[in-house]
Amino acid sequence: MAYSGGKAIRGPQCAGLLLGRKDILLAAWQASSPHHGPCRDNKLGKEEHIGMLAAVEAWIRRDHAGEEKTWVSWLNNISNRISGIKSVNAKIQEPNGFDNRSALMTITWDPKQLNITAEEVAEDFAKNKPRIALGCRSDRDAGTTSLSLSAHMMQPGDDKTVADRIYNILIQKHEQKSSEMEVPSASLIGHWDIKVEYFTGSNLHKLFIEKQDGNWLRGSYKSSFSMQEIAGTIEGNQIKLLSTYNAPWDSIPFTFSGTLSEEILSCTLYMGEYQSAKFTAKRSVYRNRTTPVTIPNYGRRNGNGW
């Protein structure tokens, strides 16, 4: 079993624990620091070794049940602070299981009642101090938007800070957004050749818009890694698209925001932790090929063999 040294154990982020049969551990030990081998680039310093030992000793002494009760009490404080705000509901899930064991809270509301979405709240909290990391999602079909937060990384007093920030932004009077979308300036259906210019280097991708239902777009995106689904909107000449590449233990969001001008899509491509890139797309040009296709007869099986 391999464990991160950081996160819940609260040891050095670059350290960890490997527990199991001695023969397996010794095999891993032979390929690790200070031995010369393929894993030497991942070597640890003595400081990380001692820090990891201290974290394990502290873990054994900690009152885990008491910590979990404290986490729940902090989330209850946040829930009590925001109770009474129109359409807002808070649900607390107590720690359970073994993986990422923490008290969790989900705060849900009707965005049409408060004229603000969870994504907008999370964006505000990420840009302004003190910064607060929140999960967010909107369910268009259910007509709800929600925030999610965990308490296990909070320190005493953080619950009041979080409660005040959420309360103050939700009770503000936000301008009502128009539910009508601007008529699209053009149809994007078709194949597009893309040039993506990264911080260093560039690459050629493909965009296939297969369906345009009014403002709503759907299709496929061929990135450097795979063919993946893509969807989004066009309002006037403003384009917003989202495609996600998923791989074991990783996920890269491809979020496009830009304009359509004279059959050219010019966008900024946001890739989360992988920074941003410039994105330019032009409609694919096909050769005017009218050559008949001839099916070869050789190799066909008949009654006398081949």
Protein backbone atom coordinates (compact mmCIF):
# COMPACT_ATOMS: atom_id res chain seq x y z
CA MET A 1 0.00 0.00 0.00
CA ALA A 2 1.30 3.43 -0.95
CA TYR A 3 0.24 6.57 0.91
CA SER A 4 0.88 10.23 0.22
CA GLY A 5 2.97 11.87 2.90
CA GLY A 6 1.01 15.08 2.58
CA LYS A 7 -2.76 15.66 2.66
CA ALA A 8 -4.38 13.91 5.64
CA ILE A 9 -1.12 12.68 7.20
CA ARG A 10 0.17 16.28 6.97
CA GLY A 11 3.77 15.34 6.38
CA PRO A 12 6.10 16.51 3.57
CA GLN A 13 4.28 16.64 0.23
CA CYS A 14 7.21 15.00 -1.58
CA ALA A 15 7.39 12.08 0.84
CA GLY A 16 5.20 9.04 1.35
CA LEU A 17 4.75 5.65 2.93
CA LEU A 18 5.09 2.23 1.32
CA LEU A 19 3.77 -0.58 3.53
CA GLY A 20 3.62 -4.30 2.84
CA ARG A 21 5.66 -7.50 2.60
CA LYS A 22 9.33 -7.08 3.34
CA ASP A 23 10.51 -8.68 0.08
CA ILE A 24 8.41 -6.27 -1.98
CA LEU A 25 9.58 -3.29 0.07
CA LEU A 26 13.21 -4.30 -0.36
CA ALA A 27 12.70 -4.55 -4.13
CA ALA A 28 11.37 -0.99 -4.13
CA TRP A 29 14.17 0.12 -1.80
CA GLN A 30 16.82 -1.18 -4.21
CA ALA A 31 15.40 1.05 -6.97
CA SER A 32 15.19 4.16 -4.80
CA SER A 33 17.54 6.70 -3.30
CA PRO A 34 20.41 6.54 -2.51
CA HIS A 35 20.94 3.72 -5.03
CA HIS A 36 21.82 4.50 -8.64
CA GLY A 37 18.91 3.45 -10.83
CA PRO A 38 15.83 4.66 -12.71
CA CYS A 39 14.21 6.15 -9.61
CA ARG A 40 17.22 8.10 -8.34
CA ASP A 41 15.69 11.28 -9.80
CA ASN A 42 12.93 10.90 -7.20
CA LYS A 43 15.28 10.83 -4.23
CA LEU A 44 14.39 12.40 -0.91
CA GLY A 45 16.52 14.43 1.45
CA LYS A 46 17.09 13.57 5.09
CA GLU A 47 14.72 16.40 6.02
CA GLU A 48 11.82 14.64 4.25
CA HIS A 49 12.66 11.32 5.93
CA ILE A 50 12.54 12.88 9.40
CA GLY A 51 9.46 14.94 8.51
CA MET A 52 7.65 11.80 7.37
CA LEU A 53 8.59 10.00 10.58
CA ALA A 54 7.33 12.93 12.66
CA ALA A 55 4.05 12.98 10.69
CA VAL A 56 3.44 9.26 11.31
CA GLU A 57 4.17 9.65 15.04
CA ALA A 58 1.77 12.61 15.19
CA TRP A 59 -0.87 10.62 13.27
CA ILE A 60 -0.77 7.85 15.89
CA ARG A 61 -1.23 10.34 18.74
CA ARG A 62 -4.02 12.37 17.09
CA ASP A 63 -7.61 12.19 18.36
CA HIS A 64 -9.23 11.34 15.02
CA ALA A 65 -12.76 11.01 16.37
CA GLY A 66 -12.42 14.39 18.10
CA GLU A 67 -11.07 15.99 14.91
CA GLU A 68 -14.02 14.67 12.90
CA LYS A 69 -16.50 16.11 15.41
CA THR A 70 -14.72 19.46 15.15
CA TRP A 71 -14.95 19.39 11.34
CA VAL A 72 -18.68 18.71 11.49
CA SER A 73 -19.14 21.55 14.01
CA TRP A 74 -17.36 23.97 11.66
CA LEU A 75 -19.64 23.00 8.79
CA ASN A 76 -22.66 23.38 11.09
CA ASN A 77 -21.49 26.92 11.87
CA ILE A 78 -21.37 27.69 8.14
CA SER A 79 -24.80 26.11 7.63
CA ASN A 80 -26.33 28.15 10.44
CA ARG A 81 -24.82 31.37 9.05
CA ILE A 82 -26.39 30.96 5.62
CA SER A 83 -29.70 29.47 6.76
CA GLY A 84 -32.63 31.69 5.90
CA ILE A 85 -31.23 32.93 2.59
CA LYS A 86 -33.86 32.45 -0.10
CA SER A 87 -33.74 29.01 -1.82
CA VAL A 88 -30.45 28.05 -0.10
CA ASN A 89 -30.13 24.55 1.36
CA ALA A 90 -27.07 23.04 3.06
CA LYS A 91 -26.40 19.33 3.48
CA ILE A 92 -23.58 17.96 5.66
CA GLN A 93 -22.06 14.53 5.15
CA GLU A 94 -20.15 13.22 8.14
CA PRO A 95 -16.77 11.48 7.62
CA ASN A 96 -17.10 7.88 6.40
CA GLY A 97 -15.06 5.19 4.71
CA PHE A 98 -11.28 5.15 4.39
CA ASP A 99 -10.57 7.24 1.29
CA ASN A 100 -10.48 11.04 1.72
CA ARG A 101 -12.27 10.72 5.03
CA SER A 102 -13.57 14.19 5.80
CA ALA A 103 -16.73 16.09 6.66
CA LEU A 104 -18.27 17.46 3.46
CA MET A 105 -20.89 20.12 2.81
CA THR A 106 -23.01 20.81 -0.25
CA ILE A 107 -24.76 24.18 -0.55
CA THR A 108 -27.49 24.28 -3.19
CA TRP A 109 -29.69 27.11 -4.44
CA ASP A 110 -31.84 28.27 -7.34
CA PRO A 111 -29.69 30.56 -9.52
CA LYS A 112 -32.83 32.24 -10.87
CA GLN A 113 -33.72 33.32 -7.33
CA LEU A 114 -30.29 34.74 -6.42
CA ASN A 115 -29.05 35.63 -9.94
CA ILE A 116 -25.66 34.05 -9.31
CA THR A 117 -24.23 30.59 -10.00
CA ALA A 118 -21.85 28.46 -7.97
CA GLU A 119 -19.23 28.86 -10.71
CA GLU A 120 -19.40 32.64 -10.30
CA VAL A 121 -19.05 32.33 -6.52
CA ALA A 122 -16.03 30.03 -6.87
CA GLU A 123 -14.44 32.41 -9.38
CA ASP A 124 -14.90 35.34 -6.99
CA PHE A 125 -13.40 33.36 -4.10
CA ALA A 126 -10.40 32.35 -6.22
CA LYS A 127 -9.63 35.92 -7.30
CA ASN A 128 -10.16 37.82 -4.05
CA LYS A 129 -8.56 37.53 -0.63
CA PRO A 130 -8.72 35.49 1.42
CA ARG A 131 -8.78 32.88 -1.35
CA ILE A 132 -11.09 29.95 -0.70
CA ALA A 133 -11.04 26.76 -2.78
CA LEU A 134 -14.53 25.39 -3.48
CA GLY A 135 -16.05 22.77 -5.71
CA CYS A 136 -18.87 23.98 -7.95
CA ARG A 137 -21.38 22.65 -10.47
CA SER A 138 -24.68 23.61 -12.05
CA ASP A 139 -27.45 21.24 -13.04
CA ARG A 140 -29.34 22.89 -15.89
CA ASP A 141 -32.02 20.19 -15.99
CA ALA A 142 -32.72 20.42 -12.24
CA GLY A 143 -32.45 24.22 -12.25
CA THR A 144 -29.95 24.23 -9.37
CA THR A 145 -26.39 25.29 -8.70
CA SER A 146 -24.20 24.08 -5.84
CA LEU A 147 -20.96 24.57 -3.92
CA SER A 148 -19.07 21.79 -2.16
CA LEU A 149 -16.44 22.20 0.54
CA SER A 150 -14.41 20.07 2.90
CA ALA A 151 -13.44 20.93 6.47
CA HIS A 152 -10.37 18.78 7.12
CA MET A 153 -7.88 21.40 5.91
CA MET A 154 -9.46 24.25 7.87
CA GLN A 155 -7.86 25.84 10.90
CA PRO A 156 -9.75 27.28 13.91
CA GLY A 157 -11.55 30.44 12.80
CA ASP A 158 -11.60 29.52 9.11
CA ASP A 159 -15.23 28.41 9.39
CA LYS A 160 -16.27 31.97 10.29
CA THR A 161 -14.28 33.39 7.38
CA VAL A 162 -15.87 30.96 4.93
CA ALA A 163 -19.37 31.45 6.36
CA ASP A 164 -19.10 35.25 6.13
CA ARG A 165 -17.80 35.15 2.55
CA ILE A 166 -20.57 32.82 1.36
CA TYR A 167 -23.26 34.72 3.24
CA ASN A 168 -22.13 38.13 1.99
CA ILE A 169 -21.98 37.13 -1.67
CA LEU A 170 -25.32 35.29 -1.65
CA ILE A 171 -27.30 38.10 0.01
CA GLN A 172 -26.00 40.73 -2.42
CA LYS A 173 -28.40 41.99 -5.04
CA HIS A 174 -27.12 40.60 -8.32
CA GLU A 175 -28.42 41.80 -11.66
CA GLN A 176 -30.84 39.45 -13.33
CA LYS A 177 -29.32 37.86 -16.39
CA SER A 178 -31.29 37.61 -19.59
CA SER A 179 -32.35 34.05 -20.32
CA GLU A 180 -32.45 34.75 -24.05
CA MET A 181 -29.35 33.98 -26.06
CA GLU A 182 -28.21 36.10 -28.98
CA VAL A 183 -28.90 34.61 -32.40
CA PRO A 184 -25.81 32.82 -33.82
CA SER A 185 -23.98 34.77 -36.51
CA ALA A 186 -23.25 31.63 -38.53
CA SER A 187 -23.43 27.86 -38.64
CA LEU A 188 -20.30 26.13 -37.35
CA ILE A 189 -21.24 22.68 -38.63
CA GLY A 190 -18.31 21.09 -40.42
CA HIS A 191 -14.66 20.24 -40.01
CA TRP A 192 -12.11 22.75 -38.75
CA ASP A 193 -8.31 22.72 -38.88
CA ILE A 194 -6.80 24.06 -35.67
CA LYS A 195 -3.43 25.47 -34.71
CA VAL A 196 -2.76 25.54 -30.98
CA GLU A 197 0.13 27.73 -29.84
CA TYR A 198 1.31 26.77 -26.37
CA PHE A 199 3.68 28.64 -24.07
CA THR A 200 6.40 26.69 -25.88
CA GLY A 201 5.72 25.03 -29.23
CA SER A 202 2.56 24.46 -31.24
CA ASN A 203 0.41 21.59 -32.49
CA LEU A 204 -2.29 20.84 -35.05
CA HIS A 205 -5.69 19.62 -33.84
CA LYS A 206 -9.09 18.96 -35.47
CA LEU A 207 -12.58 20.16 -34.56
CA PHE A 208 -15.71 18.44 -35.86
CA ILE A 209 -18.99 20.27 -35.18
CA GLU A 210 -21.64 17.68 -35.96
CA LYS A 211 -24.76 19.34 -34.58
CA GLN A 212 -25.89 22.93 -34.04
CA ASP A 213 -29.27 23.25 -32.35
CA GLY A 214 -29.83 27.01 -32.23
CA ASN A 215 -27.10 28.24 -29.89
CA TRP A 216 -26.01 24.79 -28.74
CA LEU A 217 -23.07 23.00 -30.35
CA ARG A 218 -21.95 19.40 -30.17
CA GLY A 219 -19.22 17.40 -31.87
CA SER A 220 -15.79 15.86 -31.51
CA TYR A 221 -12.34 17.24 -30.81
CA LYS A 222 -9.11 15.54 -31.91
CA SER A 223 -6.36 16.68 -29.57
CA SER A 224 -2.76 15.54 -29.35
CA PHE A 225 -3.92 12.71 -27.10
CA SER A 226 -7.27 11.37 -28.28
CA MET A 227 -10.60 11.94 -29.96
CA GLN A 228 -12.98 13.34 -27.36
CA GLU A 229 -16.46 14.87 -27.16
CA ILE A 230 -16.89 18.64 -27.28
CA ALA A 231 -19.92 20.84 -26.60
CA GLY A 232 -20.73 24.49 -26.04
CA THR A 233 -22.53 27.54 -27.37
CA ILE A 234 -22.41 30.29 -29.97
CA GLU A 235 -24.05 33.62 -29.17
CA GLY A 236 -23.70 36.13 -31.96
CA ASN A 237 -20.05 35.64 -32.86
CA GLN A 238 -18.99 34.59 -29.35
CA ILE A 239 -17.91 30.97 -28.97
CA LYS A 240 -17.62 28.90 -25.78
CA LEU A 241 -16.66 25.22 -25.95
CA LEU A 242 -15.58 22.57 -23.49
CA SER A 243 -13.85 19.24 -24.08
CA THR A 244 -12.12 17.09 -21.47
CA TYR A 245 -9.33 14.58 -21.90
CA ASN A 246 -9.43 11.88 -19.23
CA ALA A 247 -6.62 9.45 -18.51
CA PRO A 248 -5.73 7.33 -15.47
CA TRP A 249 -4.98 9.75 -12.63
CA ASP A 250 -5.22 12.82 -14.84
CA SER A 251 -7.78 15.04 -16.52
CA ILE A 252 -7.11 17.99 -18.81
CA PRO A 253 -9.95 20.46 -19.47
CA PHE A 254 -9.94 22.16 -22.87
CA THR A 255 -12.06 25.31 -22.41
CA PHE A 256 -12.33 27.58 -25.45
CA SER A 257 -13.48 31.20 -25.40
CA GLY A 258 -13.27 33.42 -28.46
CA THR A 259 -14.88 34.91 -31.55
CA LEU A 260 -15.86 33.94 -35.07
CA SER A 261 -14.76 36.41 -37.76
CA GLU A 262 -14.81 35.75 -41.50
CA GLU A 263 -14.80 31.97 -41.07
CA ILE A 264 -11.91 32.04 -38.61
CA LEU A 265 -12.27 31.01 -34.96
CA SER A 266 -9.85 32.88 -32.69
CA CYS A 267 -9.93 31.66 -29.10
CA THR A 268 -8.05 31.44 -25.86
CA LEU A 269 -7.67 27.83 -24.80
CA TYR A 270 -7.68 27.37 -21.02
CA MET A 271 -6.17 24.10 -19.74
CA GLY A 272 -6.43 24.47 -15.98
CA GLU A 273 -3.10 23.76 -14.29
CA TYR A 274 -1.43 23.52 -17.71
CA GLN A 275 -1.76 27.27 -18.41
CA SER A 276 -3.42 28.75 -21.50
CA ALA A 277 -2.78 28.68 -25.22
CA LYS A 278 -3.83 30.50 -28.39
CA PHE A 279 -6.25 28.68 -30.65
CA THR A 280 -6.97 29.49 -34.30
CA ALA A 281 -9.33 27.39 -36.42
CA LYS A 282 -10.18 27.51 -40.13
CA ARG A 283 -12.62 25.38 -42.06
CA SER A 284 -11.00 22.34 -43.62
CA VAL A 285 -10.49 22.55 -47.38
CA TYR A 286 -10.99 19.33 -49.32
CA ARG A 287 -9.69 18.54 -52.78
CA ASN A 288 -12.36 18.49 -55.46
CA ARG A 289 -11.93 14.82 -56.14
CA THR A 290 -14.27 13.24 -58.69
CA THR A 291 -12.20 10.16 -59.58
CA PRO A 292 -14.36 6.99 -59.81
CA VAL A 293 -13.56 4.30 -57.28
CA THR A 294 -12.76 0.91 -58.79
CA ILE A 295 -13.18 -2.19 -56.63
CA PRO A 296 -10.49 -4.78 -57.43
CA ASN A 297 -11.58 -8.33 -58.50
CA TYR A 298 -8.48 -10.23 -57.49
CA GLY A 299 -8.70 -12.29 -54.35
CA ARG A 300 -12.44 -12.89 -54.73
CA ARG A 301 -13.50 -16.43 -53.91
CA ASN A 302 -15.49 -18.37 -56.49
CA GLY A 303 -16.66 -21.90 -56.95
CA ASN A 304 -13.25 -23.01 -58.22
CA GLY A 305 -11.24 -21.49 -55.38
CA TRP A 306 -9.49 -18.12 -55.45
